[in-house]
Each structure stands twice: as C-alpha cells, then as structure tokens.
C-alpha atoms as a PDB file:
ATOM      1  CA  MET A   1       2.242  -5.706  14.906  1.00  0.00           C
ATOM      2  CA  LYS A   2       1.803  -6.518  11.260  1.00  0.00           C
ATOM      3  CA  LEU A   3      -0.494  -4.229   9.327  1.00  0.00           C
ATOM      4  CA  ARG A   4      -2.555  -7.269   8.276  1.00  0.00           C
ATOM      5  CA  ALA A   5      -3.888  -7.526  11.846  1.00  0.00           C
ATOM      6  CA  LEU A   6      -5.887  -4.310  11.338  1.00  0.00           C
ATOM      7  CA  ALA A   7      -6.585  -4.059   7.609  1.00  0.00           C
ATOM      8  CA  HIS A   8      -6.973  -5.778   4.275  1.00  0.00           C
ATOM      9  CA  SER A   9      -5.756  -4.563   0.917  1.00  0.00           C
ATOM     10  CA  ARG A  10      -6.344  -4.642  -2.843  1.00  0.00           C
ATOM     11  CA  THR A  11      -4.078  -3.681  -5.718  1.00  0.00           C
ATOM     12  CA  GLY A  12      -4.680  -2.255  -9.168  1.00  0.00           C
ATOM     13  CA  ASP A  13      -2.322  -1.090 -11.889  1.00  0.00           C
ATOM     14  CA  LYS A  14      -2.004   1.178 -14.873  1.00  0.00           C
ATOM     15  CA  GLY A  15       1.207   1.028 -16.866  1.00  0.00           C
ATOM     16  CA  ASP A  16       4.060   1.620 -14.429  1.00  0.00           C
ATOM     17  CA  THR A  17       1.829   2.771 -11.563  1.00  0.00           C
ATOM     18  CA  SER A  18       0.442   0.605  -8.793  1.00  0.00           C
ATOM     19  CA  ASN A  19      -2.607   1.597  -6.769  1.00  0.00           C
ATOM     20  CA  ILE A  20      -2.929  -0.048  -3.348  1.00  0.00           C
ATOM     21  CA  SER A  21      -5.973   0.345  -1.139  1.00  0.00           C
ATOM     22  CA  LEU A  22      -5.709  -0.308   2.591  1.00  0.00           C
ATOM     23  CA  ILE A  23      -9.060  -0.808   4.331  1.00  0.00           C
ATOM     24  CA  ALA A  24      -9.462  -1.043   8.103  1.00  0.00           C
ATOM     25  CA  TYR A  25     -11.404  -4.047   9.362  1.00  0.00           C
ATOM     26  CA  ASP A  26     -12.755  -1.830  12.145  1.00  0.00           C
ATOM     27  CA  MET A  27     -13.390   1.922  11.788  1.00  0.00           C
ATOM     28  CA  ALA A  28     -11.987   2.356  15.305  1.00  0.00           C
ATOM     29  CA  ASP A  29      -8.532   1.463  13.913  1.00  0.00           C
ATOM     30  CA  TYR A  30      -8.562   3.963  11.059  1.00  0.00           C
ATOM     31  CA  ALA A  31      -6.846   6.788  12.996  1.00  0.00           C
ATOM     32  CA  HIS A  32      -4.062   4.397  14.026  1.00  0.00           C
ATOM     33  CA  LEU A  33      -3.546   3.364  10.408  1.00  0.00           C
ATOM     34  CA  GLU A  34      -3.588   6.966   9.226  1.00  0.00           C
ATOM     35  CA  ALA A  35      -0.970   7.924  11.817  1.00  0.00           C
ATOM     36  CA  HIS A  36       1.434   5.075  11.100  1.00  0.00           C
ATOM     37  CA  VAL A  37       1.025   4.144   7.435  1.00  0.00           C
ATOM     38  CA  THR A  38       2.481   7.257   5.858  1.00  0.00           C
ATOM     39  CA  PRO A  39       3.738   7.722   2.304  1.00  0.00           C
ATOM     40  CA  GLU A  40       7.267   7.816   3.716  1.00  0.00           C
ATOM     41  CA  ARG A  41       6.835   4.471   5.505  1.00  0.00           C
ATOM     42  CA  VAL A  42       5.307   2.870   2.416  1.00  0.00           C
ATOM     43  CA  SER A  43       8.088   4.255   0.220  1.00  0.00           C
ATOM     44  CA  GLU A  44      10.715   2.853   2.585  1.00  0.00           C
ATOM     45  CA  HIS A  45       8.897  -0.491   2.778  1.00  0.00           C
ATOM     46  CA  PHE A  46       9.015  -0.793  -1.026  1.00  0.00           C
ATOM     47  CA  ARG A  47      12.555   0.559  -1.410  1.00  0.00           C
ATOM     48  CA  GLY A  48      14.171  -1.207  -4.349  1.00  0.00           C
ATOM     49  CA  ILE A  49      10.781  -1.910  -5.947  1.00  0.00           C
ATOM     50  CA  VAL A  50       9.200   1.534  -6.261  1.00  0.00           C
ATOM     51  CA  THR A  51      11.392   4.102  -7.998  1.00  0.00           C
ATOM     52  CA  GLY A  52       8.971   7.045  -8.022  1.00  0.00           C
ATOM     53  CA  ALA A  53       6.759   8.953  -5.634  1.00  0.00           C
ATOM     54  CA  VAL A  54       4.287   7.426  -3.202  1.00  0.00           C
ATOM     55  CA  THR A  55       1.125   9.492  -2.784  1.00  0.00           C
ATOM     56  CA  ARG A  56      -1.488   8.774  -0.117  1.00  0.00           C
ATOM     57  CA  TYR A  57      -5.174   9.645  -0.292  1.00  0.00           C
ATOM     58  CA  ALA A  58      -7.188   9.426   2.906  1.00  0.00           C
ATOM     59  CA  LEU A  59     -10.781   8.167   2.765  1.00  0.00           C
ATOM     60  CA  PRO A  60     -11.892   8.488   6.405  1.00  0.00           C
ATOM     61  CA  LYS A  61     -15.603   7.961   5.760  1.00  0.00           C
ATOM     62  CA  ILE A  62     -14.924   4.426   4.583  1.00  0.00           C
ATOM     63  CA  GLY A  63     -11.893   3.778   6.825  1.00  0.00           C
ATOM     64  CA  ALA A  64      -9.444   3.458   3.962  1.00  0.00           C
ATOM     65  CA  LEU A  65      -6.166   4.805   2.653  1.00  0.00           C
ATOM     66  CA  ASN A  66      -5.230   4.689  -1.008  1.00  0.00           C
ATOM     67  CA  PHE A  67      -1.598   4.703  -2.110  1.00  0.00           C
ATOM     68  CA  VAL A  68      -0.436   5.497  -5.631  1.00  0.00           C
ATOM     69  CA  LEU A  69       3.068   4.169  -6.292  1.00  0.00           C
ATOM     70  CA  THR A  70       4.733   5.515  -9.430  1.00  0.00           C
ATOM     71  CA  GLY A  71       7.616   3.665 -10.990  1.00  0.00           C
ATOM     72  CA  ALA A  72       6.470   0.425  -9.407  1.00  0.00           C
ATOM     73  CA  LEU A  73       5.934  -2.039 -12.217  1.00  0.00           C
ATOM     74  CA  GLY A  74       8.258  -1.295 -15.119  1.00  0.00           C
ATOM     75  CA  GLY A  75       5.326  -1.170 -17.513  1.00  0.00           C
ATOM     76  CA  VAL A  76       2.868  -4.020 -17.194  1.00  0.00           C
ATOM     77  CA  THR A  77       2.708  -5.032 -20.843  1.00  0.00           C
ATOM     78  CA  ARG A  78       6.496  -5.010 -21.264  1.00  0.00           C
ATOM     79  CA  SER A  79       7.589  -6.449 -17.928  1.00  0.00           C
ATOM     80  CA  LEU A  80       9.272  -9.801 -17.541  1.00  0.00           C
ATOM     81  CA  ALA A  81       8.507  -9.700 -13.811  1.00  0.00           C
ATOM     82  CA  LEU A  82       6.805 -12.747 -12.350  1.00  0.00           C
ATOM     83  CA  ASP A  83       4.051 -10.484 -10.973  1.00  0.00           C
ATOM     84  CA  ALA A  84       3.891  -7.929 -13.793  1.00  0.00           C
ATOM     85  CA  HIS A  85       0.608  -6.445 -12.572  1.00  0.00           C
ATOM     86  CA  GLY A  86       1.914  -6.078  -9.009  1.00  0.00           C
ATOM     87  CA  LYS A  87      -1.004  -7.922  -7.395  1.00  0.00           C
ATOM     88  CA  GLY A  88       1.373  -9.233  -4.737  1.00  0.00           C
ATOM     89  CA  LEU A  89       2.192  -5.689  -3.618  1.00  0.00           C
ATOM     90  CA  SER A  90      -0.976  -5.561  -1.515  1.00  0.00           C
ATOM     91  CA  SER A  91       0.134  -8.615   0.434  1.00  0.00           C
ATOM     92  CA  ALA A  92       3.633  -7.177   0.769  1.00  0.00           C
ATOM     93  CA  LEU A  93       2.197  -3.946   2.193  1.00  0.00           C
ATOM     94  CA  LEU A  94       0.319  -5.940   4.838  1.00  0.00           C
ATOM     95  CA  ASP A  95       3.700  -7.185   6.120  1.00  0.00           C
ATOM     96  CA  LEU A  96       4.586  -3.627   7.200  1.00  0.00           C
ATOM     97  CA  GLU A  97       5.246  -3.448  10.944  1.00  0.00           C
ATOM     98  CA  ILE A  98       3.352  -0.751  12.820  1.00  0.00           C
ATOM     99  CA  PRO A  99       3.146   0.002  16.558  1.00  0.00           C
ATOM    100  CA  ASP A 100       0.565  -1.891  18.581  1.00  0.00           C
ATOM    101  CA  ARG A 101      -2.700  -0.109  19.220  1.00  0.00           C
ATOM    102  CA  PRO A 102      -2.738   1.953  22.423  1.00  0.00           C
END
C-alpha cells in the first residue's frame, strides 16, 4: 500500500536540509508506520536526491514521525531546482510502498 493511505505529510527547509513530517490519520496506524518507515527506507526512497544522512524522530504522543534529510536541496537560495524549497518531497514520501496493515 502507498504510505498516503495511512498518513499525511508536510515539508520544511533550512539551507540544504529538508524536514519532512509524517502524521498518521489514525493513531492506531502509528506503530505500523514506525515499523515500516525507517530512516533506511526513506534514504533509499530518496536515493539520487538526498546525499546526506536521514535522521528520524519519533513523536508517538501525536502519532507522527519527523525526518531530517541533509544534503537534500543544494542550498535553497542558490538552487536552480524547480522545487528549490523541496515542498514536493512530502508528496514524494507519500508514494513510498509499505506492507498492508495486518
């Protein structure tokens, strides 16, 4: 299943770092997201876009995961990229395939 079936997402940026929040629609799905949306999976999903580390912060009380992607934007103010701020990265993350819920 696509990640977008269980969660929504927002993106922020600072220089060459993108910050992506992933928020479960239903708290009952949080454990499934936490188990399957790992920093390694996110790093692989953004291979070729993100050149640095992917760090995940778990926020179980609000049913969210926060990912910090370094080396993701090339420097917002200097980038010639169509999406220099990386706002589309949140939508791209929601295309990640994860196993169906048990």
